[in-house]
PDB file of N, CA and C in Angstrom:
ATOM      1  N   MET A   1       0.815  -1.183   0.000  1.00  0.00           N
ATOM      2  CA  MET A   1       0.000   0.000   0.000  1.00  0.00           C
ATOM      3  C   MET A   1       0.863   1.252   0.000  1.00  0.00           C
ATOM      4  N   TYR A   2       1.889   1.270   0.879  1.00  0.00           N
ATOM      5  CA  TYR A   2       2.747   2.445   0.982  1.00  0.00           C
ATOM      6  C   TYR A   2       3.525   2.682  -0.313  1.00  0.00           C
ATOM      7  N   ILE A   3       3.885   1.606  -0.995  1.00  0.00           N
ATOM      8  CA  ILE A   3       4.640   1.739  -2.245  1.00  0.00           C
ATOM      9  C   ILE A   3       3.760   2.401  -3.303  1.00  0.00           C
ATOM     10  N   ARG A   4       2.493   2.026  -3.369  1.00  0.00           N
ATOM     11  CA  ARG A   4       1.582   2.636  -4.343  1.00  0.00           C
ATOM     12  C   ARG A   4       1.403   4.121  -4.060  1.00  0.00           C
ATOM     13  N   VAL A   5       1.262   4.473  -2.804  1.00  0.00           N
ATOM     14  CA  VAL A   5       1.091   5.881  -2.429  1.00  0.00           C
ATOM     15  C   VAL A   5       2.359   6.663  -2.787  1.00  0.00           C
ATOM     16  N   ALA A   6       3.510   6.084  -2.498  1.00  0.00           N
ATOM     17  CA  ALA A   6       4.777   6.755  -2.790  1.00  0.00           C
ATOM     18  C   ALA A   6       4.949   6.922  -4.298  1.00  0.00           C
ATOM     19  N   ALA A   7       4.618   5.887  -5.070  1.00  0.00           N
ATOM     20  CA  ALA A   7       4.736   5.970  -6.521  1.00  0.00           C
ATOM     21  C   ALA A   7       3.773   7.007  -7.084  1.00  0.00           C
ATOM     22  N   LEU A   8       2.559   7.060  -6.558  1.00  0.00           N
ATOM     23  CA  LEU A   8       1.574   8.041  -7.003  1.00  0.00           C
ATOM     24  C   LEU A   8       2.046   9.455  -6.675  1.00  0.00           C
ATOM     25  N   ALA A   9       2.551   9.648  -5.477  1.00  0.00           N
ATOM     26  CA  ALA A   9       3.042  10.971  -5.071  1.00  0.00           C
ATOM     27  C   ALA A   9       4.223  11.385  -5.942  1.00  0.00           C
ATOM     28  N   PHE A  10       5.114  10.478  -6.237  1.00  0.00           N
ATOM     29  CA  PHE A  10       6.267  10.780  -7.083  1.00  0.00           C
ATOM     30  C   PHE A  10       5.821  11.143  -8.498  1.00  0.00           C
ATOM     31  N   GLY A  11       4.853  10.418  -9.024  1.00  0.00           N
ATOM     32  CA  GLY A  11       4.323  10.715 -10.355  1.00  0.00           C
ATOM     33  C   GLY A  11       3.661  12.083 -10.408  1.00  0.00           C
ATOM     34  N   ILE A  12       2.929  12.446  -9.379  1.00  0.00           N
ATOM     35  CA  ILE A  12       2.284  13.760  -9.325  1.00  0.00           C
ATOM     36  C   ILE A  12       3.340  14.864  -9.290  1.00  0.00           C
ATOM     37  N   VAL A  13       4.402  14.651  -8.518  1.00  0.00           N
ATOM     38  CA  VAL A  13       5.471  15.653  -8.426  1.00  0.00           C
ATOM     39  C   VAL A  13       6.125  15.848  -9.789  1.00  0.00           C
ATOM     40  N   LEU A  14       6.337  14.771 -10.508  1.00  0.00           N
ATOM     41  CA  LEU A  14       6.978  14.887 -11.821  1.00  0.00           C
ATOM     42  C   LEU A  14       6.085  15.582 -12.842  1.00  0.00           C
ATOM     43  N   LEU A  15       4.783  15.404 -12.742  1.00  0.00           N
ATOM     44  CA  LEU A  15       3.863  15.980 -13.708  1.00  0.00           C
ATOM     45  C   LEU A  15       3.394  17.388 -13.353  1.00  0.00           C
ATOM     46  N   CYS A  16       3.638  17.811 -12.149  1.00  0.00           N
ATOM     47  CA  CYS A  16       3.183  19.122 -11.698  1.00  0.00           C
ATOM     48  C   CYS A  16       3.968  20.227 -12.399  1.00  0.00           C
ATOM     49  N   PRO A  17       3.299  21.214 -12.985  1.00  0.00           N
ATOM     50  CA  PRO A  17       4.003  22.271 -13.710  1.00  0.00           C
ATOM     51  C   PRO A  17       4.942  23.088 -12.832  1.00  0.00           C
ATOM     52  N   SER A  18       4.641  23.242 -11.579  1.00  0.00           N
ATOM     53  CA  SER A  18       5.511  24.051 -10.726  1.00  0.00           C
ATOM     54  C   SER A  18       6.861  23.378 -10.500  1.00  0.00           C
ATOM     55  N   THR A  19       6.918  22.047 -10.508  1.00  0.00           N
ATOM     56  CA  THR A  19       8.193  21.369 -10.326  1.00  0.00           C
ATOM     57  C   THR A  19       9.030  21.450 -11.588  1.00  0.00           C
ATOM     58  N   GLN A  20       8.382  21.582 -12.731  1.00  0.00           N
ATOM     59  CA  GLN A  20       9.156  21.721 -13.964  1.00  0.00           C
ATOM     60  C   GLN A  20       9.922  23.030 -13.953  1.00  0.00           C
ATOM     61  N   ILE A  21       9.355  24.040 -13.358  1.00  0.00           N
ATOM     62  CA  ILE A  21      10.058  25.314 -13.244  1.00  0.00           C
ATOM     63  C   ILE A  21      11.274  25.144 -12.339  1.00  0.00           C
ATOM     64  N   ALA A  22      11.106  24.379 -11.281  1.00  0.00           N
ATOM     65  CA  ALA A  22      12.216  24.172 -10.359  1.00  0.00           C
ATOM     66  C   ALA A  22      13.349  23.402 -11.023  1.00  0.00           C
ATOM     67  N   PHE A  23      13.029  22.487 -11.951  1.00  0.00           N
ATOM     68  CA  PHE A  23      14.043  21.695 -12.620  1.00  0.00           C
ATOM     69  C   PHE A  23      14.608  22.395 -13.847  1.00  0.00           C
ATOM     70  N   ALA A  24      13.995  23.477 -14.267  1.00  0.00           N
ATOM     71  CA  ALA A  24      14.472  24.168 -15.462  1.00  0.00           C
ATOM     72  C   ALA A  24      15.855  24.738 -15.202  1.00  0.00           C
ATOM     73  N   GLN A  25      16.674  24.702 -16.232  1.00  0.00           N
ATOM     74  CA  GLN A  25      18.022  25.225 -16.096  1.00  0.00           C
ATOM     75  C   GLN A  25      18.008  26.735 -16.243  1.00  0.00           C
ATOM     76  N   ALA A  26      18.955  27.362 -15.599  1.00  0.00           N
ATOM     77  CA  ALA A  26      19.086  28.809 -15.715  1.00  0.00           C
ATOM     78  C   ALA A  26      19.501  29.148 -17.141  1.00  0.00           C
ATOM     79  N   PRO A  27      19.059  30.276 -17.649  1.00  0.00           N
ATOM     80  CA  PRO A  27      19.457  30.638 -19.009  1.00  0.00           C
ATOM     81  C   PRO A  27      20.965  30.828 -19.079  1.00  0.00           C
ATOM     82  N   PRO A  28      21.558  30.453 -20.207  1.00  0.00           N
ATOM     83  CA  PRO A  28      23.013  30.568 -20.306  1.00  0.00           C
ATOM     84  C   PRO A  28      23.442  32.029 -20.238  1.00  0.00           C
ATOM     85  N   SER A  29      24.510  32.262 -19.519  1.00  0.00           N
ATOM     86  CA  SER A  29      24.998  33.630 -19.402  1.00  0.00           C
ATOM     87  C   SER A  29      25.696  34.026 -20.692  1.00  0.00           C
ATOM     88  N   LYS A  30      25.700  35.313 -20.961  1.00  0.00           N
ATOM     89  CA  LYS A  30      26.302  35.790 -22.207  1.00  0.00           C
ATOM     90  C   LYS A  30      27.820  35.736 -22.129  1.00  0.00           C
ATOM     91  N   GLU A  31      28.379  35.975 -20.957  1.00  0.00           N
ATOM     92  CA  GLU A  31      29.822  35.880 -20.791  1.00  0.00           C
ATOM     93  C   GLU A  31      30.165  34.521 -20.213  1.00  0.00           C
ATOM     94  N   LYS A  32      30.877  33.744 -20.995  1.00  0.00           N
ATOM     95  CA  LYS A  32      31.242  32.405 -20.569  1.00  0.00           C
ATOM     96  C   LYS A  32      32.698  32.439 -20.100  1.00  0.00           C
ATOM     97  N   ALA A  33      32.928  31.931 -18.921  1.00  0.00           N
ATOM     98  CA  ALA A  33      34.292  31.878 -18.399  1.00  0.00           C
ATOM     99  C   ALA A  33      35.085  30.869 -19.227  1.00  0.00           C
ATOM    100  N   PRO A  34      36.331  31.203 -19.571  1.00  0.00           N
ATOM    101  CA  PRO A  34      37.117  30.262 -20.380  1.00  0.00           C
ATOM    102  C   PRO A  34      37.451  29.009 -19.580  1.00  0.00           C
ATOM    103  N   SER A  35      37.420  27.889 -20.263  1.00  0.00           N
ATOM    104  CA  SER A  35      37.753  26.635 -19.604  1.00  0.00           C
ATOM    105  C   SER A  35      39.271  26.545 -19.435  1.00  0.00           C
ATOM    106  N   GLU A  36      39.700  25.627 -18.619  1.00  0.00           N
ATOM    107  CA  GLU A  36      41.130  25.446 -18.386  1.00  0.00           C
ATOM    108  C   GLU A  36      41.840  25.077 -19.685  1.00  0.00           C
ATOM    109  N   ALA A  37      41.184  24.269 -20.514  1.00  0.00           N
ATOM    110  CA  ALA A  37      41.774  23.877 -21.791  1.00  0.00           C
ATOM    111  C   ALA A  37      41.954  25.087 -22.700  1.00  0.00           C
ATOM    112  N   ASP A  38      40.982  26.004 -22.708  1.00  0.00           N
ATOM    113  CA  ASP A  38      41.097  27.212 -23.525  1.00  0.00           C
ATOM    114  C   ASP A  38      42.260  28.079 -23.057  1.00  0.00           C
ATOM    115  N   VAL A  39      42.440  28.190 -21.762  1.00  0.00           N
ATOM    116  CA  VAL A  39      43.536  28.992 -21.214  1.00  0.00           C
ATOM    117  C   VAL A  39      44.878  28.388 -21.609  1.00  0.00           C
ATOM    118  N   ILE A  40      45.007  27.075 -21.500  1.00  0.00           N
ATOM    119  CA  ILE A  40      46.254  26.399 -21.867  1.00  0.00           C
ATOM    120  C   ILE A  40      46.527  26.573 -23.353  1.00  0.00           C
ATOM    121  N   LEU A  41      45.495  26.450 -24.181  1.00  0.00           N
ATOM    122  CA  LEU A  41      45.659  26.616 -25.620  1.00  0.00           C
ATOM    123  C   LEU A  41      46.116  28.029 -25.961  1.00  0.00           C
ATOM    124  N   GLN A  42      45.526  29.032 -25.330  1.00  0.00           N
ATOM    125  CA  GLN A  42      45.932  30.415 -25.582  1.00  0.00           C
ATOM    126  C   GLN A  42      47.375  30.651 -25.129  1.00  0.00           C
ATOM    127  N   ASP A  43      47.758  30.079 -23.993  1.00  0.00           N
ATOM    128  CA  ASP A  43      49.136  30.225 -23.525  1.00  0.00           C
ATOM    129  C   ASP A  43      50.123  29.565 -24.479  1.00  0.00           C
ATOM    130  N   SER A  44      49.738  28.439 -25.068  1.00  0.00           N
ATOM    131  CA  SER A  44      50.639  27.741 -25.982  1.00  0.00           C
ATOM    132  C   SER A  44      50.842  28.508 -27.280  1.00  0.00           C
ATOM    133  N   LYS A  45      49.917  29.394 -27.626  1.00  0.00           N
ATOM    134  CA  LYS A  45      50.039  30.181 -28.849  1.00  0.00           C
ATOM    135  C   LYS A  45      50.956  31.385 -28.683  1.00  0.00           C
ATOM    136  N   LYS A  46      51.275  31.735 -27.438  1.00  0.00           N
ATOM    137  CA  LYS A  46      52.165  32.859 -27.196  1.00  0.00           C
ATOM    138  C   LYS A  46      53.574  32.492 -27.643  1.00  0.00           C
ATOM    139  N   SER A  47      54.267  33.450 -28.137  1.00  0.00           N
ATOM    140  CA  SER A  47      55.635  33.223 -28.580  1.00  0.00           C
ATOM    141  C   SER A  47      56.589  33.766 -27.528  1.00  0.00           C
ATOM    142  N   ASP A  48      57.309  32.884 -26.876  1.00  0.00           N
ATOM    143  CA  ASP A  48      58.304  33.261 -25.889  1.00  0.00           C
ATOM    144  C   ASP A  48      59.668  32.844 -26.421  1.00  0.00           C
ATOM    145  N   PRO A  49      60.340  33.734 -27.157  1.00  0.00           N
ATOM    146  CA  PRO A  49      61.640  33.336 -27.696  1.00  0.00           C
ATOM    147  C   PRO A  49      62.648  33.108 -26.578  1.00  0.00           C
ATOM    148  N   GLU A  50      63.512  32.147 -26.812  1.00  0.00           N
ATOM    149  CA  GLU A  50      64.527  31.860 -25.798  1.00  0.00           C
ATOM    150  C   GLU A  50      65.586  32.959 -25.822  1.00  0.00           C
ATOM    151  N   THR A  51      66.164  33.210 -24.675  1.00  0.00           N
ATOM    152  CA  THR A  51      67.214  34.215 -24.587  1.00  0.00           C
ATOM    153  C   THR A  51      68.561  33.532 -24.835  1.00  0.00           C
ATOM    154  N   PRO A  52      69.561  34.278 -25.277  1.00  0.00           N
ATOM    155  CA  PRO A  52      70.880  33.671 -25.471  1.00  0.00           C
ATOM    156  C   PRO A  52      71.430  33.042 -24.192  1.00  0.00           C
ATOM    157  N   LYS A  53      71.116  33.651 -23.048  1.00  0.00           N
ATOM    158  CA  LYS A  53      71.592  33.101 -21.764  1.00  0.00           C
ATOM    159  C   LYS A  53      70.969  31.729 -21.507  1.00  0.00           C
ATOM    160  N   GLU A  54      69.660  31.613 -21.750  1.00  0.00           N
ATOM    161  CA  GLU A  54      68.979  30.327 -21.535  1.00  0.00           C
ATOM    162  C   GLU A  54      69.528  29.264 -22.472  1.00  0.00           C
ATOM    163  N   LEU A  55      69.754  29.632 -23.725  1.00  0.00           N
ATOM    164  CA  LEU A  55      70.265  28.675 -24.704  1.00  0.00           C
ATOM    165  C   LEU A  55      71.688  28.248 -24.323  1.00  0.00           C
ATOM    166  N   ALA A  56      72.515  29.209 -23.895  1.00  0.00           N
ATOM    167  CA  ALA A  56      73.889  28.891 -23.501  1.00  0.00           C
ATOM    168  C   ALA A  56      73.890  27.963 -22.281  1.00  0.00           C
ATOM    169  N   GLU A  57      72.989  28.217 -21.342  1.00  0.00           N
ATOM    170  CA  GLU A  57      72.906  27.365 -20.153  1.00  0.00           C
ATOM    171  C   GLU A  57      72.508  25.939 -20.532  1.00  0.00           C
ATOM    172  N   CYS A  58      71.565  25.823 -21.426  1.00  0.00           N
ATOM    173  CA  CYS A  58      71.129  24.493 -21.866  1.00  0.00           C
ATOM    174  C   CYS A  58      72.258  23.796 -22.636  1.00  0.00           C
ATOM    175  N   MET A  59      72.942  24.540 -23.499  1.00  0.00           N
ATOM    176  CA  MET A  59      74.024  23.951 -24.290  1.00  0.00           C
ATOM    177  C   MET A  59      75.193  23.533 -23.411  1.00  0.00           C
ATOM    178  N   SER A  60      75.388  24.192 -22.260  1.00  0.00           N
ATOM    179  CA  SER A  60      76.490  23.827 -21.369  1.00  0.00           C
ATOM    180  C   SER A  60      76.296  22.434 -20.769  1.00  0.00           C
ATOM    181  N   GLN A  61      75.093  21.914 -20.841  1.00  0.00           N
ATOM    182  CA  GLN A  61      74.817  20.593 -20.286  1.00  0.00           C
ATOM    183  C   GLN A  61      75.052  19.475 -21.302  1.00  0.00           C
ATOM    184  N   TRP A  62      75.424  19.843 -22.546  1.00  0.00           N
ATOM    185  CA  TRP A  62      75.669  18.829 -23.570  1.00  0.00           C
ATOM    186  C   TRP A  62      77.003  18.157 -23.325  1.00  0.00           C
ATOM    187  N   GLY A  63      77.074  16.903 -23.643  1.00  0.00           N
ATOM    188  CA  GLY A  63      78.321  16.153 -23.593  1.00  0.00           C
ATOM    189  C   GLY A  63      78.216  14.947 -24.508  1.00  0.00           C
ATOM    190  N   PRO A  64      79.303  14.321 -24.860  1.00  0.00           N
ATOM    191  CA  PRO A  64      79.266  13.158 -25.765  1.00  0.00           C
ATOM    192  C   PRO A  64      78.402  12.017 -25.216  1.00  0.00           C
ATOM    193  N   GLN A  65      78.280  11.945 -23.905  1.00  0.00           N
ATOM    194  CA  GLN A  65      77.483  10.871 -23.302  1.00  0.00           C
ATOM    195  C   GLN A  65      75.982  11.060 -23.498  1.00  0.00           C
ATOM    196  N   THR A  66      75.545  12.218 -24.016  1.00  0.00           N
ATOM    197  CA  THR A  66      74.112  12.461 -24.215  1.00  0.00           C
ATOM    198  C   THR A  66      73.552  11.683 -25.397  1.00  0.00           C
ATOM    199  N   GLN A  67      74.421  11.138 -26.230  1.00  0.00           N
ATOM    200  CA  GLN A  67      74.036  10.363 -27.411  1.00  0.00           C
ATOM    201  C   GLN A  67      73.255  11.194 -28.413  1.00  0.00           C
ATOM    202  N   MET A  68      73.500  12.508 -28.420  1.00  0.00           N
ATOM    203  CA  MET A  68      72.955  13.431 -29.412  1.00  0.00           C
ATOM    204  C   MET A  68      74.106  14.250 -29.953  1.00  0.00           C
ATOM    205  N   SER A  69      73.979  14.643 -31.213  1.00  0.00           N
ATOM    206  CA  SER A  69      74.965  15.580 -31.736  1.00  0.00           C
ATOM    207  C   SER A  69      74.696  16.949 -31.126  1.00  0.00           C
ATOM    208  N   LYS A  70      75.676  17.857 -31.269  1.00  0.00           N
ATOM    209  CA  LYS A  70      75.478  19.203 -30.721  1.00  0.00           C
ATOM    210  C   LYS A  70      74.310  19.898 -31.410  1.00  0.00           C
ATOM    211  N   GLU A  71      74.144  19.667 -32.711  1.00  0.00           N
ATOM    212  CA  GLU A  71      73.044  20.279 -33.449  1.00  0.00           C
ATOM    213  C   GLU A  71      71.697  19.760 -32.953  1.00  0.00           C
ATOM    214  N   GLU A  72      71.617  18.445 -32.714  1.00  0.00           N
ATOM    215  CA  GLU A  72      70.372  17.864 -32.185  1.00  0.00           C
ATOM    216  C   GLU A  72      70.080  18.395 -30.783  1.00  0.00           C
ATOM    217  N   TRP A  73      71.128  18.532 -29.974  1.00  0.00           N
ATOM    218  CA  TRP A  73      70.968  19.050 -28.620  1.00  0.00           C
ATOM    219  C   TRP A  73      70.468  20.493 -28.657  1.00  0.00           C
ATOM    220  N   ALA A  74      71.047  21.297 -29.553  1.00  0.00           N
ATOM    221  CA  ALA A  74      70.635  22.699 -29.678  1.00  0.00           C
ATOM    222  C   ALA A  74      69.167  22.790 -30.102  1.00  0.00           C
ATOM    223  N   ALA A  75      68.768  21.946 -31.049  1.00  0.00           N
ATOM    224  CA  ALA A  75      67.366  21.941 -31.484  1.00  0.00           C
ATOM    225  C   ALA A  75      66.454  21.537 -30.327  1.00  0.00           C
ATOM    226  N   SER A  76      66.893  20.567 -29.540  1.00  0.00           N
ATOM    227  CA  SER A  76      66.112  20.139 -28.384  1.00  0.00           C
ATOM    228  C   SER A  76      66.020  21.256 -27.346  1.00  0.00           C
ATOM    229  N   CYS A  77      67.128  21.971 -27.142  1.00  0.00           N
ATOM    230  CA  CYS A  77      67.114  23.102 -26.199  1.00  0.00           C
ATOM    231  C   CYS A  77      66.118  24.164 -26.648  1.00  0.00           C
ATOM    232  N   ARG A  78      66.180  24.544 -27.927  1.00  0.00           N
ATOM    233  CA  ARG A  78      65.264  25.576 -28.436  1.00  0.00           C
ATOM    234  C   ARG A  78      63.812  25.133 -28.302  1.00  0.00           C
ATOM    235  N   SER A  79      63.551  23.878 -28.634  1.00  0.00           N
ATOM    236  CA  SER A  79      62.182  23.355 -28.544  1.00  0.00           C
ATOM    237  C   SER A  79      61.694  23.357 -27.099  1.00  0.00           C
ATOM    238  N   THR A  80      62.545  22.900 -26.185  1.00  0.00           N
ATOM    239  CA  THR A  80      62.164  22.838 -24.777  1.00  0.00           C
ATOM    240  C   THR A  80      61.952  24.235 -24.214  1.00  0.00           C
ATOM    241  N   LEU A  81      62.846  25.161 -24.546  1.00  0.00           N
ATOM    242  CA  LEU A  81      62.712  26.538 -24.046  1.00  0.00           C
ATOM    243  C   LEU A  81      61.483  27.213 -24.637  1.00  0.00           C
ATOM    244  N   HIS A  82      61.094  26.832 -25.844  1.00  0.00           N
ATOM    245  CA  HIS A  82      59.893  27.396 -26.452  1.00  0.00           C
ATOM    246  C   HIS A  82      58.642  26.923 -25.704  1.00  0.00           C
ATOM    247  N   TYR A  83      58.588  25.629 -25.373  1.00  0.00           N
ATOM    248  CA  TYR A  83      57.399  25.073 -24.726  1.00  0.00           C
ATOM    249  C   TYR A  83      57.375  25.330 -23.223  1.00  0.00           C
ATOM    250  N   PHE A  84      58.535  25.461 -22.613  1.00  0.00           N
ATOM    251  CA  PHE A  84      58.608  25.678 -21.176  1.00  0.00           C
ATOM    252  C   PHE A  84      59.503  26.885 -20.888  1.00  0.00           C
ATOM    253  N   PRO A  85      59.032  28.093 -21.200  1.00  0.00           N
ATOM    254  CA  PRO A  85      59.885  29.271 -21.013  1.00  0.00           C
ATOM    255  C   PRO A  85      60.154  29.535 -19.539  1.00  0.00           C
ATOM    256  N   GLU A  86      61.305  30.124 -19.285  1.00  0.00           N
ATOM    257  CA  GLU A  86      61.673  30.511 -17.926  1.00  0.00           C
ATOM    258  C   GLU A  86      60.775  31.652 -17.479  1.00  0.00           C
ATOM    259  N   SER A  87      60.462  31.711 -16.199  1.00  0.00           N
ATOM    260  CA  SER A  87      59.701  32.836 -15.653  1.00  0.00           C
ATOM    261  C   SER A  87      60.627  34.039 -15.623  1.00  0.00           C
ATOM    262  N   LYS A  88      60.113  35.150 -16.103  1.00  0.00           N
ATOM    263  CA  LYS A  88      60.961  36.355 -16.161  1.00  0.00           C
ATOM    264  C   LYS A  88      60.472  37.397 -15.221  1.00  0.00           C
TER     265      LYS A  88
END
């Protein structure tokens, strides 16, 4: 008996127009906050050229044991400094 009453009450709540207003979503705001992905994408588009000091510091870490040529190491330094610029 109690289950029927509960089911009936639940059905009435779902069909009642006033509850539909309560479940309605708020209208979308005109200004949408940028998502974290959008912020990261915008930051990645910025051009932060490496400084000669940063490049020299990175190149000072090269040695024959790195198993890269100096040219490959320099390209890796420039690429890394481009993607992970030093805080200035």
